[in-house]
N, C-alpha and C. Protein backbone atom coordinates (compact mmCIF):
# COMPACT_ATOMS: atom_id res chain seq x y z
N MET A 1 28.04 -58.91 -15.63
CA MET A 1 28.60 -58.17 -16.71
C MET A 1 27.55 -57.92 -17.79
N ASN A 2 26.73 -58.92 -18.07
CA ASN A 2 25.70 -58.79 -19.09
C ASN A 2 24.62 -57.80 -18.65
N GLU A 3 24.34 -57.72 -17.34
CA GLU A 3 23.37 -56.77 -16.82
C GLU A 3 23.83 -55.34 -17.07
N GLU A 4 25.12 -55.08 -16.89
CA GLU A 4 25.66 -53.73 -17.11
C GLU A 4 25.51 -53.33 -18.57
N LEU A 5 25.75 -54.26 -19.48
CA LEU A 5 25.63 -53.94 -20.90
C LEU A 5 24.19 -53.63 -21.28
N THR A 6 23.24 -54.41 -20.74
CA THR A 6 21.85 -54.15 -21.07
C THR A 6 21.39 -52.84 -20.44
N GLY A 7 21.89 -52.55 -19.24
CA GLY A 7 21.57 -51.26 -18.60
C GLY A 7 22.13 -50.11 -19.38
N ASP A 8 23.39 -50.26 -19.85
CA ASP A 8 24.00 -49.22 -20.66
C ASP A 8 23.29 -49.09 -22.00
N ALA A 9 22.90 -50.22 -22.57
CA ALA A 9 22.19 -50.19 -23.86
C ALA A 9 20.82 -49.53 -23.69
N ALA A 10 20.14 -49.83 -22.59
CA ALA A 10 18.84 -49.22 -22.34
C ALA A 10 18.98 -47.72 -22.13
N ALA A 11 20.02 -47.32 -21.39
CA ALA A 11 20.26 -45.90 -21.16
C ALA A 11 20.62 -45.20 -22.47
N ALA A 12 21.41 -45.87 -23.29
CA ALA A 12 21.79 -45.29 -24.58
C ALA A 12 20.57 -45.16 -25.48
N ALA A 13 19.69 -46.14 -25.46
CA ALA A 13 18.47 -46.07 -26.28
C ALA A 13 17.56 -44.94 -25.80
N ALA A 14 17.43 -44.78 -24.50
CA ALA A 14 16.61 -43.71 -23.95
C ALA A 14 17.21 -42.35 -24.29
N ARG A 15 18.53 -42.25 -24.20
CA ARG A 15 19.21 -41.01 -24.53
C ARG A 15 19.04 -40.68 -26.02
N HIS A 16 19.16 -41.70 -26.86
CA HIS A 16 19.00 -41.49 -28.29
C HIS A 16 17.56 -41.09 -28.64
N ALA A 17 16.60 -41.67 -27.94
CA ALA A 17 15.20 -41.32 -28.19
C ALA A 17 14.93 -39.87 -27.81
N ARG A 18 15.60 -39.39 -26.78
CA ARG A 18 15.36 -38.02 -26.33
C ARG A 18 16.19 -37.01 -27.09
N TYR A 19 17.47 -37.31 -27.33
CA TYR A 19 18.39 -36.35 -27.93
C TYR A 19 18.92 -36.81 -29.28
N GLY A 20 18.31 -37.77 -29.91
CA GLY A 20 18.85 -38.39 -31.10
C GLY A 20 18.90 -37.52 -32.34
N ARG A 21 18.08 -36.46 -32.41
CA ARG A 21 18.11 -35.62 -33.61
C ARG A 21 18.07 -34.16 -33.20
N LEU A 22 18.50 -33.32 -34.10
CA LEU A 22 18.54 -31.89 -33.84
C LEU A 22 17.14 -31.30 -33.95
N PRO A 23 16.90 -30.18 -33.28
CA PRO A 23 15.59 -29.53 -33.42
C PRO A 23 15.43 -28.96 -34.82
N GLU A 24 14.21 -28.63 -35.17
CA GLU A 24 13.92 -28.08 -36.49
C GLU A 24 14.66 -26.75 -36.67
N ARG A 25 15.10 -26.51 -37.88
CA ARG A 25 15.85 -25.29 -38.19
C ARG A 25 14.91 -24.08 -38.19
N ILE A 26 15.38 -22.98 -37.62
CA ILE A 26 14.62 -21.74 -37.57
C ILE A 26 15.16 -20.80 -38.63
N ARG A 27 14.29 -20.29 -39.48
CA ARG A 27 14.71 -19.37 -40.53
C ARG A 27 15.07 -18.01 -39.92
N PHE A 28 15.95 -17.27 -40.61
CA PHE A 28 16.39 -15.96 -40.12
C PHE A 28 15.21 -15.00 -39.99
N GLU A 29 14.27 -15.07 -40.92
CA GLU A 29 13.13 -14.18 -40.89
C GLU A 29 12.27 -14.40 -39.64
N GLU A 30 12.28 -15.60 -39.12
CA GLU A 30 11.51 -15.90 -37.92
C GLU A 30 12.23 -15.44 -36.65
N MET A 31 13.54 -15.18 -36.75
CA MET A 31 14.30 -14.76 -35.58
C MET A 31 14.35 -13.24 -35.42
N THR A 32 14.00 -12.49 -36.45
CA THR A 32 14.08 -11.04 -36.38
C THR A 32 12.69 -10.44 -36.36
N GLN A 33 12.63 -9.23 -35.85
CA GLN A 33 11.37 -8.53 -35.77
C GLN A 33 11.62 -7.08 -36.17
N GLY A 34 10.86 -6.58 -37.10
CA GLY A 34 11.00 -5.20 -37.53
C GLY A 34 10.10 -4.30 -36.71
N VAL A 35 10.67 -3.23 -36.19
CA VAL A 35 9.92 -2.27 -35.39
C VAL A 35 10.14 -0.89 -35.99
N GLU A 36 9.09 -0.17 -36.19
CA GLU A 36 9.19 1.17 -36.76
C GLU A 36 9.75 2.11 -35.69
N ALA A 37 10.80 2.84 -36.04
CA ALA A 37 11.42 3.77 -35.10
C ALA A 37 10.75 5.13 -35.23
N GLY A 38 10.42 5.71 -34.10
CA GLY A 38 9.79 7.02 -34.09
C GLY A 38 10.84 8.11 -33.96
N PRO A 39 10.42 9.35 -34.10
CA PRO A 39 11.37 10.46 -33.95
C PRO A 39 11.84 10.55 -32.50
N SER A 40 13.09 10.95 -32.35
CA SER A 40 13.68 11.07 -31.01
C SER A 40 13.15 12.32 -30.33
N ASP A 41 12.88 12.21 -29.04
CA ASP A 41 12.40 13.38 -28.31
C ASP A 41 13.55 14.26 -27.82
N GLY A 42 14.80 13.84 -28.03
CA GLY A 42 15.95 14.65 -27.66
C GLY A 42 16.41 14.46 -26.23
N MET A 43 15.55 14.05 -25.34
CA MET A 43 15.94 13.89 -23.93
C MET A 43 16.79 12.64 -23.72
N ARG A 44 16.48 11.59 -24.43
CA ARG A 44 17.24 10.35 -24.24
C ARG A 44 18.62 10.43 -24.88
N ALA A 45 18.76 11.18 -25.97
CA ALA A 45 20.01 11.23 -26.70
C ALA A 45 20.89 12.39 -26.26
N SER A 46 20.39 13.31 -25.46
CA SER A 46 21.18 14.48 -25.08
C SER A 46 22.21 14.10 -24.02
N HIS A 47 23.30 14.88 -23.98
CA HIS A 47 24.38 14.64 -23.02
C HIS A 47 24.21 15.58 -21.85
N ASP A 48 24.27 15.04 -20.65
CA ASP A 48 24.16 15.83 -19.43
C ASP A 48 25.49 15.78 -18.71
N PRO A 49 26.33 16.84 -18.80
CA PRO A 49 27.65 16.78 -18.17
C PRO A 49 27.58 16.67 -16.64
N ASN A 50 26.53 17.20 -16.03
CA ASN A 50 26.42 17.12 -14.57
C ASN A 50 26.03 15.73 -14.10
N GLY A 51 25.33 14.98 -14.94
CA GLY A 51 24.91 13.64 -14.55
C GLY A 51 25.76 12.55 -15.16
N ALA A 52 26.84 12.92 -15.86
CA ALA A 52 27.68 11.93 -16.54
C ALA A 52 28.40 11.02 -15.54
N TRP A 53 28.66 11.51 -14.34
CA TRP A 53 29.38 10.70 -13.34
C TRP A 53 28.55 9.48 -12.92
N LYS A 54 27.26 9.50 -13.10
CA LYS A 54 26.41 8.38 -12.72
C LYS A 54 26.67 7.15 -13.58
N HIS A 55 27.15 7.37 -14.80
CA HIS A 55 27.36 6.28 -15.73
C HIS A 55 28.83 5.92 -15.90
N TYR A 56 29.69 6.53 -15.11
CA TYR A 56 31.13 6.28 -15.22
C TYR A 56 31.50 5.19 -14.21
N SER A 57 32.22 4.19 -14.67
CA SER A 57 32.64 3.11 -13.79
C SER A 57 34.13 2.91 -13.91
N CYS A 58 34.81 2.94 -12.78
CA CYS A 58 36.25 2.75 -12.75
C CYS A 58 36.57 1.92 -11.51
N LEU A 59 37.22 0.80 -11.70
CA LEU A 59 37.53 -0.08 -10.58
C LEU A 59 38.43 0.60 -9.57
N ALA A 60 39.41 1.37 -10.04
CA ALA A 60 40.32 2.06 -9.12
C ALA A 60 39.55 3.07 -8.27
N LEU A 61 38.61 3.79 -8.87
CA LEU A 61 37.78 4.72 -8.09
C LEU A 61 36.89 3.99 -7.10
N ASP A 62 36.31 2.88 -7.54
CA ASP A 62 35.44 2.10 -6.66
C ASP A 62 36.20 1.58 -5.44
N LEU A 63 37.47 1.23 -5.64
CA LEU A 63 38.27 0.71 -4.54
C LEU A 63 38.93 1.81 -3.72
N GLY A 64 38.79 3.06 -4.15
CA GLY A 64 39.37 4.18 -3.42
C GLY A 64 40.86 4.31 -3.63
N LEU A 65 41.38 3.87 -4.76
CA LEU A 65 42.81 3.95 -5.03
C LEU A 65 43.16 5.25 -5.70
């Protein structure tokens, strides 16, 4: 019985040594990155009615219902 307690205590000590404290706090400024946006070339934002079916997803259509 005493062996189990020392084993549990050793495991608890090892666990506490590894996970005992939280990592350092990261500031919001370090998590974000500013990127300058360029003018749009129009091709990416334009709507193509003939190619719109490529981006349409419907489970009933996929299953043939």
